[in-house]
Amino acid sequence: MRQQISARMIELIKGVLRNHRLAAFVIFDFVWLAAVLGRGEWLWVTALLILGMFAATPKLLWRQRQTLFFLVVLGCLAEFATVYFGVIRYEGSALIPMWLILLWVGFSGMALIVFDYLHRRYLVAAILGAIFGPITYFAGERLGAAEILVPYFTAVVVYSIFWAVIMVIIARFAIPATANKAVNEPSR
C-alpha cells in the first residue's frame, strides 16, 4: 500500500513537472508560503524552491531573463515606495526584507510562464491584477508578515493600481505559449 502511494506521488510530481505552467504555479505557491510564513528563518527554503521552479523551466526563463530582471527591480522599487510612503511596514525590516525580494524573484519567474496567455490582453491583465494583487497583502498581514498602515480602502486602491500596472507590464512582455513551444521542443 505504501509503495503504491509513493509510486502515485512520484507520477503526480512528474506530471506536474512536465507541464511548465502548472509546475511554476504550484512551486510558486510554496515559494509564497515559505517567504511569508518563514520570512527570514526560511530564506533557504524560499531560495531552494525558487531554484526548483527555475530548474523546471530553464529555457523559458533564460529566454526572458531581461524581462525577469526588469520585473524583479520594478517590483522591489514599488514595494520600497509603499514602505517609504507609509502604506505598509514589513515585520522585522525598516525597508523591504530579503524574503520579499526573493518573493519578487519567484513571482516574476512564475508570472512570465503562467501568465503568458495574457500577452497583449492589457485590460484583462489590469483587471486580474487589480482584483487579486491586493489579496496577497491582506493575507500576508493576517499571517504577521506585514502591517498595513493606511485605512483598508486606501490600501485596496494603492495595491489595485500597483498590481494592475504590474500585470499590464507582464501582459506586454510575457512570451505566449505558442512561441515558447519551440524553445521547449528538443532539436532533431
N, C-alpha and C. Protein backbone atom coordinates (compact mmCIF):
# COMPACT_ATOMS: atom_id res chain seq x y z
N MET A 1 0.83 -1.20 0.00
CA MET A 1 0.00 0.00 0.00
C MET A 1 0.87 1.26 0.00
N ARG A 2 1.86 1.27 0.88
CA ARG A 2 2.75 2.43 0.99
C ARG A 2 3.52 2.64 -0.32
N GLN A 3 3.95 1.56 -0.95
CA GLN A 3 4.67 1.66 -2.23
C GLN A 3 3.77 2.19 -3.33
N GLN A 4 2.48 1.80 -3.31
CA GLN A 4 1.53 2.30 -4.31
C GLN A 4 1.34 3.80 -4.16
N ILE A 5 1.22 4.27 -2.93
CA ILE A 5 1.05 5.70 -2.68
C ILE A 5 2.29 6.46 -3.12
N SER A 6 3.47 5.93 -2.78
CA SER A 6 4.73 6.56 -3.18
C SER A 6 4.84 6.62 -4.70
N ALA A 7 4.50 5.53 -5.37
CA ALA A 7 4.57 5.50 -6.83
C ALA A 7 3.61 6.50 -7.45
N ARG A 8 2.41 6.61 -6.88
CA ARG A 8 1.42 7.58 -7.39
C ARG A 8 1.91 9.02 -7.17
N MET A 9 2.50 9.26 -6.02
CA MET A 9 3.02 10.61 -5.74
C MET A 9 4.14 10.98 -6.71
N ILE A 10 5.01 10.03 -6.99
CA ILE A 10 6.11 10.28 -7.93
C ILE A 10 5.55 10.56 -9.32
N GLU A 11 4.55 9.80 -9.75
CA GLU A 11 3.92 10.04 -11.05
C GLU A 11 3.23 11.40 -11.09
N LEU A 12 2.58 11.78 -10.00
CA LEU A 12 1.92 13.08 -9.92
C LEU A 12 2.96 14.20 -10.05
N ILE A 13 4.05 14.08 -9.35
CA ILE A 13 5.12 15.09 -9.40
C ILE A 13 5.71 15.17 -10.80
N LYS A 14 5.94 14.02 -11.43
CA LYS A 14 6.46 14.02 -12.80
C LYS A 14 5.48 14.70 -13.75
N GLY A 15 4.18 14.44 -13.57
CA GLY A 15 3.17 15.06 -14.41
C GLY A 15 3.15 16.57 -14.26
N VAL A 16 3.27 17.03 -13.02
CA VAL A 16 3.30 18.47 -12.76
C VAL A 16 4.52 19.09 -13.43
N LEU A 17 5.68 18.45 -13.31
CA LEU A 17 6.91 19.00 -13.87
C LEU A 17 6.91 19.00 -15.40
N ARG A 18 6.14 18.11 -16.02
CA ARG A 18 6.05 18.11 -17.48
C ARG A 18 5.26 19.31 -18.00
N ASN A 19 4.36 19.82 -17.19
CA ASN A 19 3.56 20.99 -17.57
C ASN A 19 4.21 22.22 -16.94
N HIS A 20 4.90 23.00 -17.75
CA HIS A 20 5.67 24.13 -17.23
C HIS A 20 4.81 25.14 -16.48
N ARG A 21 3.63 25.43 -17.01
CA ARG A 21 2.74 26.38 -16.32
C ARG A 21 2.36 25.86 -14.95
N LEU A 22 1.90 24.63 -14.91
CA LEU A 22 1.46 24.05 -13.65
C LEU A 22 2.62 23.94 -12.66
N ALA A 23 3.77 23.53 -13.15
CA ALA A 23 4.95 23.42 -12.27
C ALA A 23 5.30 24.77 -11.67
N ALA A 24 5.36 25.80 -12.50
CA ALA A 24 5.71 27.14 -12.00
C ALA A 24 4.67 27.64 -11.00
N PHE A 25 3.40 27.41 -11.30
CA PHE A 25 2.33 27.89 -10.42
C PHE A 25 2.35 27.17 -9.07
N VAL A 26 2.45 25.85 -9.11
CA VAL A 26 2.44 25.07 -7.87
C VAL A 26 3.68 25.39 -7.02
N ILE A 27 4.83 25.41 -7.65
CA ILE A 27 6.04 25.71 -6.89
C ILE A 27 5.99 27.12 -6.32
N PHE A 28 5.46 28.09 -7.10
CA PHE A 28 5.37 29.45 -6.56
C PHE A 28 4.44 29.53 -5.36
N ASP A 29 3.40 28.73 -5.32
CA ASP A 29 2.53 28.72 -4.14
C ASP A 29 3.34 28.37 -2.89
N PHE A 30 4.24 27.42 -3.03
CA PHE A 30 5.11 27.05 -1.90
C PHE A 30 6.15 28.14 -1.63
N VAL A 31 6.62 28.81 -2.68
CA VAL A 31 7.54 29.94 -2.50
C VAL A 31 6.86 31.01 -1.66
N TRP A 32 5.63 31.35 -2.01
CA TRP A 32 4.89 32.38 -1.27
C TRP A 32 4.73 31.98 0.19
N LEU A 33 4.32 30.74 0.41
CA LEU A 33 4.13 30.28 1.79
C LEU A 33 5.45 30.30 2.58
N ALA A 34 6.53 29.82 1.97
CA ALA A 34 7.82 29.81 2.67
C ALA A 34 8.29 31.23 2.96
N ALA A 35 8.11 32.13 2.01
CA ALA A 35 8.56 33.51 2.20
C ALA A 35 7.73 34.21 3.27
N VAL A 36 6.42 34.09 3.18
CA VAL A 36 5.54 34.83 4.09
C VAL A 36 5.48 34.19 5.48
N LEU A 37 5.39 32.89 5.54
CA LEU A 37 5.33 32.23 6.85
C LEU A 37 6.70 32.16 7.53
N GLY A 38 7.73 31.83 6.75
CA GLY A 38 9.06 31.63 7.33
C GLY A 38 9.89 32.88 7.40
N ARG A 39 9.60 33.82 6.50
CA ARG A 39 10.34 35.07 6.41
C ARG A 39 11.85 34.82 6.50
N GLY A 40 12.55 35.51 7.36
CA GLY A 40 14.00 35.40 7.43
C GLY A 40 14.51 34.03 7.82
N GLU A 41 13.76 33.32 8.64
CA GLU A 41 14.20 32.00 9.09
C GLU A 41 14.17 30.96 7.98
N TRP A 42 13.32 31.15 7.01
CA TRP A 42 13.17 30.17 5.94
C TRP A 42 13.70 30.69 4.61
N LEU A 43 14.60 31.64 4.62
CA LEU A 43 15.15 32.16 3.36
C LEU A 43 15.72 31.04 2.51
N TRP A 44 16.38 30.09 3.14
CA TRP A 44 17.00 29.00 2.39
C TRP A 44 15.94 28.13 1.72
N VAL A 45 14.79 27.93 2.37
CA VAL A 45 13.70 27.15 1.77
C VAL A 45 13.13 27.91 0.58
N THR A 46 12.90 29.20 0.78
CA THR A 46 12.36 30.03 -0.30
C THR A 46 13.31 30.00 -1.50
N ALA A 47 14.60 30.19 -1.25
CA ALA A 47 15.59 30.19 -2.34
C ALA A 47 15.65 28.83 -3.03
N LEU A 48 15.59 27.76 -2.26
CA LEU A 48 15.62 26.41 -2.83
C LEU A 48 14.40 26.15 -3.71
N LEU A 49 13.23 26.60 -3.27
CA LEU A 49 12.02 26.44 -4.06
C LEU A 49 12.09 27.25 -5.36
N ILE A 50 12.64 28.45 -5.29
CA ILE A 50 12.80 29.27 -6.49
C ILE A 50 13.74 28.58 -7.46
N LEU A 51 14.84 28.05 -6.95
CA LEU A 51 15.76 27.30 -7.81
C LEU A 51 15.05 26.12 -8.46
N GLY A 52 14.20 25.44 -7.71
CA GLY A 52 13.43 24.34 -8.26
C GLY A 52 12.49 24.79 -9.37
N MET A 53 11.84 25.91 -9.16
CA MET A 53 10.94 26.44 -10.18
C MET A 53 11.72 26.82 -11.43
N PHE A 54 12.86 27.46 -11.25
CA PHE A 54 13.68 27.85 -12.39
C PHE A 54 14.25 26.62 -13.10
N ALA A 55 14.56 25.57 -12.33
CA ALA A 55 15.07 24.33 -12.93
C ALA A 55 13.99 23.64 -13.76
N ALA A 56 12.73 23.81 -13.36
CA ALA A 56 11.63 23.19 -14.11
C ALA A 56 11.34 23.93 -15.41
N THR A 57 11.81 25.17 -15.54
CA THR A 57 11.51 25.98 -16.72
C THR A 57 12.74 26.75 -17.19
N PRO A 58 13.91 26.13 -17.28
CA PRO A 58 15.14 26.90 -17.52
C PRO A 58 15.19 27.62 -18.87
N LYS A 59 14.81 26.96 -19.94
CA LYS A 59 14.90 27.59 -21.26
C LYS A 59 13.93 28.75 -21.39
N LEU A 60 12.72 28.57 -20.84
CA LEU A 60 11.72 29.63 -20.92
C LEU A 60 12.18 30.88 -20.18
N LEU A 61 12.72 30.68 -18.99
CA LEU A 61 13.14 31.84 -18.19
C LEU A 61 14.44 32.44 -18.70
N TRP A 62 15.34 31.62 -19.21
CA TRP A 62 16.57 32.17 -19.77
C TRP A 62 16.25 33.07 -20.95
N ARG A 63 15.30 32.65 -21.75
CA ARG A 63 14.90 33.44 -22.92
C ARG A 63 14.32 34.79 -22.50
N GLN A 64 13.73 34.84 -21.31
CA GLN A 64 13.09 36.07 -20.84
C GLN A 64 13.85 36.72 -19.68
N ARG A 65 15.15 36.45 -19.59
CA ARG A 65 15.93 36.89 -18.44
C ARG A 65 15.95 38.40 -18.25
N GLN A 66 15.95 39.18 -19.34
CA GLN A 66 15.95 40.63 -19.18
C GLN A 66 14.62 41.12 -18.62
N THR A 67 13.53 40.55 -19.10
CA THR A 67 12.22 40.90 -18.56
C THR A 67 12.10 40.45 -17.11
N LEU A 68 12.62 39.29 -16.80
CA LEU A 68 12.62 38.79 -15.43
C LEU A 68 13.34 39.76 -14.50
N PHE A 69 14.52 40.17 -14.89
CA PHE A 69 15.30 41.13 -14.09
C PHE A 69 14.53 42.45 -13.95
N PHE A 70 13.95 42.93 -15.04
CA PHE A 70 13.18 44.17 -15.02
C PHE A 70 12.00 44.07 -14.04
N LEU A 71 11.27 42.95 -14.08
CA LEU A 71 10.13 42.78 -13.18
C LEU A 71 10.55 42.73 -11.71
N VAL A 72 11.67 42.06 -11.44
CA VAL A 72 12.16 41.99 -10.06
C VAL A 72 12.51 43.40 -9.56
N VAL A 73 13.24 44.14 -10.36
CA VAL A 73 13.63 45.50 -9.97
C VAL A 73 12.40 46.39 -9.81
N LEU A 74 11.49 46.34 -10.78
CA LEU A 74 10.27 47.14 -10.72
C LEU A 74 9.45 46.79 -9.48
N GLY A 75 9.28 45.49 -9.22
CA GLY A 75 8.51 45.07 -8.05
C GLY A 75 9.13 45.55 -6.75
N CYS A 76 10.45 45.41 -6.65
CA CYS A 76 11.13 45.85 -5.43
C CYS A 76 11.06 47.37 -5.26
N LEU A 77 11.17 48.10 -6.35
CA LEU A 77 11.02 49.57 -6.27
C LEU A 77 9.61 49.97 -5.84
N ALA A 78 8.62 49.27 -6.38
CA ALA A 78 7.23 49.56 -5.99
C ALA A 78 7.01 49.22 -4.51
N GLU A 79 7.57 48.11 -4.06
CA GLU A 79 7.47 47.75 -2.64
C GLU A 79 8.15 48.81 -1.77
N PHE A 80 9.33 49.24 -2.20
CA PHE A 80 10.04 50.28 -1.46
C PHE A 80 9.19 51.55 -1.37
N ALA A 81 8.54 51.92 -2.47
CA ALA A 81 7.70 53.11 -2.48
C ALA A 81 6.54 52.99 -1.49
N THR A 82 5.93 51.81 -1.42
CA THR A 82 4.81 51.66 -0.47
C THR A 82 5.29 51.72 0.98
N VAL A 83 6.50 51.25 1.23
CA VAL A 83 7.06 51.36 2.58
C VAL A 83 7.43 52.81 2.86
N TYR A 84 8.10 53.45 1.92
CA TYR A 84 8.56 54.83 2.09
C TYR A 84 7.39 55.78 2.34
N PHE A 85 6.29 55.57 1.62
CA PHE A 85 5.13 56.46 1.76
C PHE A 85 4.17 56.02 2.86
N GLY A 86 4.55 55.02 3.63
CA GLY A 86 3.79 54.66 4.82
C GLY A 86 2.53 53.85 4.56
N VAL A 87 2.48 53.12 3.48
CA VAL A 87 1.32 52.27 3.21
C VAL A 87 1.42 50.97 3.99
N ILE A 88 2.64 50.44 4.08
CA ILE A 88 2.86 49.14 4.70
C ILE A 88 4.20 49.13 5.42
N ARG A 89 4.30 48.26 6.40
CA ARG A 89 5.57 48.02 7.09
C ARG A 89 5.73 46.50 7.18
N TYR A 90 6.91 46.04 6.83
CA TYR A 90 7.18 44.61 6.88
C TYR A 90 7.82 44.25 8.20
N GLU A 91 7.38 43.18 8.78
CA GLU A 91 7.86 42.72 10.08
C GLU A 91 9.36 42.51 10.05
N GLY A 92 10.04 43.13 11.00
CA GLY A 92 11.47 42.93 11.15
C GLY A 92 12.35 43.70 10.19
N SER A 93 11.79 44.69 9.48
CA SER A 93 12.59 45.42 8.50
C SER A 93 12.12 46.86 8.38
N ALA A 94 13.09 47.76 8.26
CA ALA A 94 12.76 49.17 8.05
C ALA A 94 12.41 49.43 6.58
N LEU A 95 12.98 48.65 5.69
CA LEU A 95 12.72 48.83 4.25
C LEU A 95 11.98 47.60 3.74
N ILE A 96 12.56 46.95 2.74
CA ILE A 96 11.94 45.70 2.28
C ILE A 96 12.87 44.54 2.64
N PRO A 97 12.33 43.53 3.25
CA PRO A 97 13.17 42.41 3.71
C PRO A 97 13.62 41.51 2.56
N MET A 98 14.64 40.73 2.84
CA MET A 98 15.19 39.82 1.84
C MET A 98 14.16 38.80 1.36
N TRP A 99 13.30 38.33 2.25
CA TRP A 99 12.30 37.34 1.84
C TRP A 99 11.36 37.94 0.80
N LEU A 100 11.11 39.25 0.87
CA LEU A 100 10.23 39.90 -0.10
C LEU A 100 10.93 40.04 -1.46
N ILE A 101 12.22 40.30 -1.43
CA ILE A 101 12.99 40.35 -2.68
C ILE A 101 12.97 38.97 -3.34
N LEU A 102 13.19 37.93 -2.55
CA LEU A 102 13.12 36.57 -3.09
C LEU A 102 11.72 36.26 -3.63
N LEU A 103 10.72 36.76 -2.94
CA LEU A 103 9.35 36.55 -3.40
C LEU A 103 9.14 37.19 -4.77
N TRP A 104 9.73 38.36 -4.99
CA TRP A 104 9.63 39.00 -6.30
C TRP A 104 10.39 38.22 -7.38
N VAL A 105 11.51 37.63 -7.01
CA VAL A 105 12.23 36.79 -7.97
C VAL A 105 11.34 35.61 -8.37
N GLY A 106 10.75 34.96 -7.38
CA GLY A 106 9.88 33.83 -7.65
C GLY A 106 8.64 34.22 -8.42
N PHE A 107 8.00 35.32 -8.01
CA PHE A 107 6.79 35.77 -8.71
C PHE A 107 7.09 36.12 -10.15
N SER A 108 8.17 36.82 -10.38
CA SER A 108 8.50 37.25 -11.74
C SER A 108 8.72 36.05 -12.65
N GLY A 109 9.44 35.05 -12.14
CA GLY A 109 9.66 33.84 -12.93
C GLY A 109 8.35 33.12 -13.21
N MET A 110 7.53 32.97 -12.18
CA MET A 110 6.25 32.30 -12.34
C MET A 110 5.36 33.06 -13.31
N ALA A 111 5.30 34.38 -13.17
CA ALA A 111 4.40 35.19 -13.98
C ALA A 111 4.72 35.10 -15.47
N LEU A 112 5.99 35.08 -15.80
CA LEU A 112 6.37 35.01 -17.21
C LEU A 112 6.00 33.66 -17.84
N ILE A 113 5.86 32.64 -17.03
CA ILE A 113 5.48 31.32 -17.53
C ILE A 113 3.96 31.14 -17.48
N VAL A 114 3.37 31.43 -16.33
CA VAL A 114 1.96 31.15 -16.11
C VAL A 114 1.04 32.16 -16.80
N PHE A 115 1.42 33.41 -16.82
CA PHE A 115 0.54 34.45 -17.36
C PHE A 115 0.82 34.77 -18.82
N ASP A 116 1.49 33.88 -19.52
CA ASP A 116 1.77 34.13 -20.93
C ASP A 116 0.49 34.27 -21.76
N TYR A 117 -0.60 33.66 -21.30
CA TYR A 117 -1.87 33.77 -22.02
C TYR A 117 -2.43 35.19 -22.00
N LEU A 118 -1.90 36.02 -21.14
CA LEU A 118 -2.33 37.42 -21.08
C LEU A 118 -1.61 38.31 -22.09
N HIS A 119 -0.72 37.73 -22.89
CA HIS A 119 0.06 38.51 -23.85
C HIS A 119 -0.85 39.43 -24.66
N ARG A 120 -0.59 40.72 -24.52
CA ARG A 120 -1.32 41.80 -25.19
C ARG A 120 -2.81 41.88 -24.84
N ARG A 121 -3.20 41.26 -23.77
CA ARG A 121 -4.58 41.38 -23.25
C ARG A 121 -4.52 42.30 -22.03
N TYR A 122 -4.29 43.55 -22.31
CA TYR A 122 -3.98 44.51 -21.25
C TYR A 122 -5.14 44.76 -20.29
N LEU A 123 -6.34 44.85 -20.81
CA LEU A 123 -7.49 45.11 -19.94
C LEU A 123 -7.72 43.93 -18.99
N VAL A 124 -7.69 42.72 -19.52
CA VAL A 124 -7.87 41.53 -18.69
C VAL A 124 -6.76 41.48 -17.63
N ALA A 125 -5.53 41.73 -18.04
CA ALA A 125 -4.40 41.70 -17.11
C ALA A 125 -4.59 42.74 -16.01
N ALA A 126 -4.99 43.95 -16.37
CA ALA A 126 -5.19 45.01 -15.38
C ALA A 126 -6.30 44.65 -14.40
N ILE A 127 -7.38 44.09 -14.90
CA ILE A 127 -8.49 43.72 -14.02
C ILE A 127 -8.06 42.60 -13.07
N LEU A 128 -7.39 41.59 -13.60
CA LEU A 128 -6.93 40.50 -12.73
C LEU A 128 -5.95 41.01 -11.66
N GLY A 129 -5.03 41.87 -12.08
CA GLY A 129 -4.08 42.43 -11.12
C GLY A 129 -4.78 43.27 -10.05
N ALA A 130 -5.73 44.09 -10.47
CA ALA A 130 -6.44 44.97 -9.54
C ALA A 130 -7.27 44.18 -8.53
N ILE A 131 -7.78 43.04 -8.95
CA ILE A 131 -8.61 42.23 -8.06
C ILE A 131 -7.75 41.35 -7.15
N PHE A 132 -6.84 40.59 -7.75
CA PHE A 132 -6.12 39.57 -6.98
C PHE A 132 -4.84 40.06 -6.32
N GLY A 133 -4.23 41.11 -6.84
CA GLY A 133 -2.99 41.61 -6.24
C GLY A 133 -3.13 42.01 -4.79
N PRO A 134 -4.11 42.84 -4.44
CA PRO A 134 -4.25 43.27 -3.04
C PRO A 134 -4.50 42.14 -2.06
N ILE A 135 -5.12 41.07 -2.53
CA ILE A 135 -5.46 39.95 -1.65
C ILE A 135 -4.21 39.39 -0.98
N THR A 136 -3.11 39.32 -1.71
CA THR A 136 -1.90 38.72 -1.14
C THR A 136 -1.35 39.56 0.01
N TYR A 137 -1.53 40.87 -0.07
CA TYR A 137 -1.04 41.73 1.01
C TYR A 137 -1.87 41.57 2.27
N PHE A 138 -3.17 41.45 2.09
CA PHE A 138 -4.03 41.26 3.26
C PHE A 138 -3.82 39.87 3.87
N ALA A 139 -3.55 38.88 3.02
CA ALA A 139 -3.23 37.54 3.53
C ALA A 139 -1.91 37.58 4.29
N GLY A 140 -0.92 38.26 3.72
CA GLY A 140 0.38 38.40 4.39
C GLY A 140 0.27 39.12 5.72
N GLU A 141 -0.59 40.12 5.76
CA GLU A 141 -0.80 40.84 7.02
C GLU A 141 -1.42 39.91 8.06
N ARG A 142 -2.39 39.13 7.65
CA ARG A 142 -3.04 38.19 8.57
C ARG A 142 -2.05 37.16 9.13
N LEU A 143 -1.04 36.84 8.32
CA LEU A 143 -0.03 35.86 8.75
C LEU A 143 1.13 36.51 9.51
N GLY A 144 1.03 37.81 9.75
CA GLY A 144 2.03 38.50 10.56
C GLY A 144 3.27 38.97 9.83
N ALA A 145 3.26 38.91 8.50
CA ALA A 145 4.44 39.30 7.73
C ALA A 145 4.52 40.80 7.52
N ALA A 146 3.39 41.48 7.63
CA ALA A 146 3.37 42.92 7.37
C ALA A 146 2.27 43.57 8.17
N GLU A 147 2.32 44.89 8.19
CA GLU A 147 1.27 45.67 8.83
C GLU A 147 0.85 46.76 7.85
N ILE A 148 -0.41 46.76 7.48
CA ILE A 148 -0.96 47.81 6.62
C ILE A 148 -1.17 49.03 7.51
N LEU A 149 -0.60 50.17 7.10
CA LEU A 149 -0.60 51.37 7.94
C LEU A 149 -1.64 52.41 7.54
N VAL A 150 -2.35 52.16 6.48
CA VAL A 150 -3.37 53.11 5.99
C VAL A 150 -4.74 52.45 6.11
N PRO A 151 -5.80 53.25 5.97
CA PRO A 151 -7.13 52.64 6.00
C PRO A 151 -7.29 51.57 4.91
N TYR A 152 -8.16 50.62 5.17
CA TYR A 152 -8.37 49.48 4.28
C TYR A 152 -8.66 49.93 2.84
N PHE A 153 -9.55 50.87 2.67
CA PHE A 153 -9.92 51.33 1.33
C PHE A 153 -8.70 51.91 0.60
N THR A 154 -7.90 52.69 1.29
CA THR A 154 -6.70 53.28 0.69
C THR A 154 -5.73 52.19 0.26
N ALA A 155 -5.55 51.19 1.11
CA ALA A 155 -4.65 50.08 0.77
C ALA A 155 -5.15 49.33 -0.46
N VAL A 156 -6.45 49.10 -0.54
CA VAL A 156 -7.02 48.41 -1.70
C VAL A 156 -6.76 49.22 -2.97
N VAL A 157 -6.97 50.53 -2.91
CA VAL A 157 -6.75 51.39 -4.09
C VAL A 157 -5.27 51.36 -4.49
N VAL A 158 -4.38 51.54 -3.53
CA VAL A 158 -2.95 51.57 -3.83
C VAL A 158 -2.50 50.25 -4.45
N TYR A 159 -2.86 49.14 -3.82
CA TYR A 159 -2.40 47.85 -4.33
C TYR A 159 -3.13 47.42 -5.60
N SER A 160 -4.35 47.88 -5.79
CA SER A 160 -5.05 47.59 -7.05
C SER A 160 -4.36 48.29 -8.21
N ILE A 161 -3.98 49.54 -8.02
CA ILE A 161 -3.26 50.27 -9.08
C ILE A 161 -1.89 49.65 -9.31
N PHE A 162 -1.17 49.39 -8.22
CA PHE A 162 0.16 48.77 -8.26
C PHE A 162 0.10 47.50 -9.09
N TRP A 163 -0.83 46.60 -8.76
CA TRP A 163 -0.89 45.31 -9.43
C TRP A 163 -1.49 45.38 -10.82
N ALA A 164 -2.37 46.32 -11.07
CA ALA A 164 -2.88 46.49 -12.43
C ALA A 164 -1.73 46.86 -13.36
N VAL A 165 -0.88 47.76 -12.92
CA VAL A 165 0.28 48.19 -13.72
C VAL A 165 1.26 47.03 -13.91
N ILE A 166 1.56 46.32 -12.83
CA ILE A 166 2.48 45.17 -12.93
C ILE A 166 1.96 44.14 -13.93
N MET A 167 0.68 43.83 -13.84
CA MET A 167 0.12 42.80 -14.72
C MET A 167 0.06 43.27 -16.18
N VAL A 168 -0.15 44.55 -16.41
CA VAL A 168 -0.12 45.07 -17.78
C VAL A 168 1.30 44.94 -18.35
N ILE A 169 2.29 45.22 -17.53
CA ILE A 169 3.69 45.04 -17.97
C ILE A 169 3.96 43.57 -18.28
N ILE A 170 3.47 42.69 -17.44
CA ILE A 170 3.63 41.25 -17.71
C ILE A 170 2.93 40.88 -19.01
N ALA A 171 1.73 41.40 -19.22
CA ALA A 171 0.98 41.12 -20.46
C ALA A 171 1.72 41.63 -21.68
N ARG A 172 2.46 42.68 -21.52
CA ARG A 172 3.22 43.23 -22.64
C ARG A 172 4.44 42.37 -22.99
N PHE A 173 5.12 41.88 -21.97
CA PHE A 173 6.41 41.23 -22.20
C PHE A 173 6.43 39.71 -22.13
N ALA A 174 5.41 39.09 -21.56
CA ALA A 174 5.39 37.62 -21.48
C ALA A 174 5.29 37.05 -22.90
N ILE A 175 6.06 36.03 -23.16
CA ILE A 175 6.07 35.39 -24.48
C ILE A 175 4.98 34.32 -24.48
N PRO A 176 4.07 34.36 -25.46
CA PRO A 176 2.96 33.39 -25.49
C PRO A 176 3.45 31.94 -25.59
N ALA A 177 2.63 31.03 -25.11
CA ALA A 177 2.97 29.60 -25.09
C ALA A 177 3.31 29.07 -26.48
N THR A 178 2.66 29.55 -27.51
CA THR A 178 2.94 29.07 -28.85
C THR A 178 4.39 29.38 -29.24
N ALA A 179 4.88 30.52 -28.85
CA ALA A 179 6.28 30.88 -29.13
C ALA A 179 7.22 30.08 -28.22
N ASN A 180 6.75 29.76 -27.02
CA ASN A 180 7.56 29.01 -26.07
C ASN A 180 7.72 27.54 -26.46
N LYS A 181 6.77 26.98 -27.21
CA LYS A 181 6.84 25.57 -27.58
C LYS A 181 8.12 25.27 -28.35
N ALA A 182 8.49 26.19 -29.22
CA ALA A 182 9.71 25.99 -30.00
C ALA A 182 10.94 25.93 -29.09
N VAL A 183 10.91 26.64 -27.98
CA VAL A 183 12.02 26.65 -27.04
C VAL A 183 12.10 25.32 -26.30
N ASN A 184 10.95 24.73 -25.98
CA ASN A 184 10.92 23.52 -25.16
C ASN A 184 11.13 22.24 -25.95
N GLU A 185 10.84 22.26 -27.24
CA GLU A 185 10.97 21.04 -28.02
C GLU A 185 12.43 20.74 -28.30
N PRO A 186 12.82 19.49 -28.12
CA PRO A 186 14.23 19.15 -28.40
C PRO A 186 14.52 19.25 -29.89
N SER A 187 15.72 19.67 -30.21
CA SER A 187 16.11 19.76 -31.62
C SER A 187 16.38 18.39 -32.19
N ARG A 188 16.07 18.21 -33.45
CA ARG A 188 16.20 16.89 -34.08
C ARG A 188 17.35 16.86 -35.02
